[in-house]
Amino acid sequence: MAISYDEFAKVDIRVGTIVGVDPFPEARKPALKLKIDFGPEIGVKKSSAQVTKYYTPETLLGRQVAAVVNFPPRQIGPFMSEVLTLGFPDGEGDVVLVAVERPVPNGGRLF
């Protein structure tokens, strides 16, 4: 199904740096709670991410990721996820995070 550029432009995808990672034992599927800094315009937002196969808290801290920042917050168990961190499924359906090729300023918008 084709969409127009105007429809695509409504999805606000930004880059941010992971500044905090906590376990999320209450999640139905293994997940981590992320705090992502999107720069001064957007600030730090929270996200739940099912990324435990390939990533540990230590490997995530300081990593830049892409996320949709204009979806409404979503309640995931006792946690309110404010952004959707983006990734692709590997051959087994496990998440591989979308990453930027080189460091860019936090808050940069995908175009």
Protein backbone atom coordinates (compact mmCIF):
# COMPACT_ATOMS: atom_id res chain seq x y z
CA MET A 1 0.00 0.00 0.00
CA ALA A 2 1.54 3.29 -1.08
CA ILE A 3 1.40 6.35 1.17
CA SER A 4 2.09 9.97 0.42
CA TYR A 5 5.13 11.83 1.71
CA ASP A 6 2.77 13.95 3.82
CA GLU A 7 1.52 10.79 5.56
CA PHE A 8 5.10 9.64 6.20
CA ALA A 9 6.02 13.08 7.55
CA LYS A 10 3.41 12.71 10.31
CA VAL A 11 5.56 9.99 11.93
CA ASP A 12 8.16 11.81 14.02
CA ILE A 13 11.25 9.57 14.19
CA ARG A 14 14.13 11.00 16.20
CA VAL A 15 17.56 9.89 17.33
CA GLY A 16 18.46 9.79 21.00
CA THR A 17 21.13 8.44 23.32
CA ILE A 18 20.30 5.80 25.92
CA VAL A 19 21.17 7.31 29.30
CA GLY A 20 19.54 4.75 31.59
CA VAL A 21 18.66 1.06 31.51
CA ASP A 22 16.71 -0.88 34.13
CA PRO A 23 15.40 -4.44 34.30
CA PHE A 24 11.71 -4.95 33.58
CA PRO A 25 10.87 -8.23 35.35
CA GLU A 26 7.11 -7.49 35.27
CA ALA A 27 7.00 -7.57 31.45
CA ARG A 28 5.29 -10.58 29.84
CA LYS A 29 8.22 -11.00 27.42
CA PRO A 30 11.82 -10.29 28.46
CA ALA A 31 12.36 -6.53 28.19
CA LEU A 32 14.34 -3.61 29.52
CA LYS A 33 13.25 -0.12 30.58
CA LEU A 34 15.18 2.51 28.64
CA LYS A 35 15.66 6.22 29.31
CA ILE A 36 16.55 7.97 26.07
CA ASP A 37 17.81 11.56 25.78
CA PHE A 38 16.35 13.25 22.68
CA GLY A 39 18.00 16.61 23.32
CA PRO A 40 16.67 19.87 24.77
CA GLU A 41 13.53 20.13 22.58
CA ILE A 42 12.09 16.73 23.57
CA GLY A 43 14.08 15.76 26.67
CA VAL A 44 14.48 12.33 28.23
CA LYS A 45 11.72 9.82 27.45
CA LYS A 46 11.05 6.27 28.66
CA SER A 47 10.62 3.18 26.49
CA SER A 48 10.12 -0.53 27.07
CA ALA A 49 12.17 -2.60 24.63
CA GLN A 50 12.27 -6.36 24.07
CA VAL A 51 15.98 -6.37 23.27
CA THR A 52 17.40 -8.80 25.82
CA LYS A 53 18.76 -11.37 23.35
CA TYR A 54 21.46 -9.14 21.85
CA TYR A 55 21.83 -6.32 24.36
CA THR A 56 22.71 -5.90 28.02
CA PRO A 57 22.36 -2.71 30.06
CA GLU A 58 26.11 -2.18 29.72
CA THR A 59 26.06 -2.43 25.91
CA LEU A 60 23.03 -0.12 25.64
CA LEU A 61 24.23 2.80 27.77
CA GLY A 62 25.52 5.56 25.53
CA ARG A 63 24.16 3.95 22.35
CA GLN A 64 22.19 6.08 19.91
CA VAL A 65 18.84 4.66 18.79
CA ALA A 66 15.90 5.74 16.65
CA ALA A 67 12.41 6.06 18.09
CA VAL A 68 8.95 7.31 17.17
CA VAL A 69 8.34 10.17 19.58
CA ASN A 70 4.81 11.27 18.63
CA PHE A 71 2.75 8.18 19.49
CA PRO A 72 0.62 8.52 22.62
CA PRO A 73 2.18 6.95 25.75
CA ARG A 74 1.38 3.26 26.18
CA GLN A 75 0.91 1.43 29.46
CA ILE A 76 2.96 -1.77 29.55
CA GLY A 77 2.21 -3.48 32.84
CA PRO A 78 3.23 -1.05 35.60
CA PHE A 79 5.40 1.01 33.18
CA MET A 80 4.37 3.91 30.94
CA SER A 81 6.31 3.76 27.65
CA GLU A 82 6.53 7.22 26.07
CA VAL A 83 8.30 6.43 22.77
CA LEU A 84 8.59 3.44 20.43
CA THR A 85 12.22 2.37 20.07
CA LEU A 86 12.76 1.00 16.56
CA GLY A 87 14.31 -2.29 15.53
CA PHE A 88 14.09 -5.07 12.98
CA PRO A 89 13.47 -8.77 13.64
CA ASP A 90 16.32 -11.17 13.00
CA GLY A 91 15.65 -14.60 11.46
CA GLU A 92 14.17 -15.84 14.74
CA GLY A 93 12.08 -12.75 15.47
CA ASP A 94 14.43 -11.22 18.04
CA VAL A 95 14.94 -7.45 17.93
CA VAL A 96 18.01 -5.83 16.38
CA LEU A 97 17.99 -2.10 17.10
CA VAL A 98 18.05 0.53 14.37
CA ALA A 99 21.31 2.46 14.70
CA VAL A 100 22.91 5.49 13.11
CA GLU A 101 26.13 5.08 11.16
CA ARG A 102 28.02 7.74 13.14
CA PRO A 103 27.19 10.00 16.08
CA VAL A 104 24.65 12.74 15.39
CA PRO A 105 23.05 15.34 17.68
CA ASN A 106 20.29 14.00 19.91
CA GLY A 107 16.84 14.98 18.70
CA GLY A 108 17.69 14.88 14.99
CA ARG A 109 14.64 14.00 12.90
CA LEU A 110 14.64 11.25 10.28
CA PHE A 111 13.83 12.48 6.77
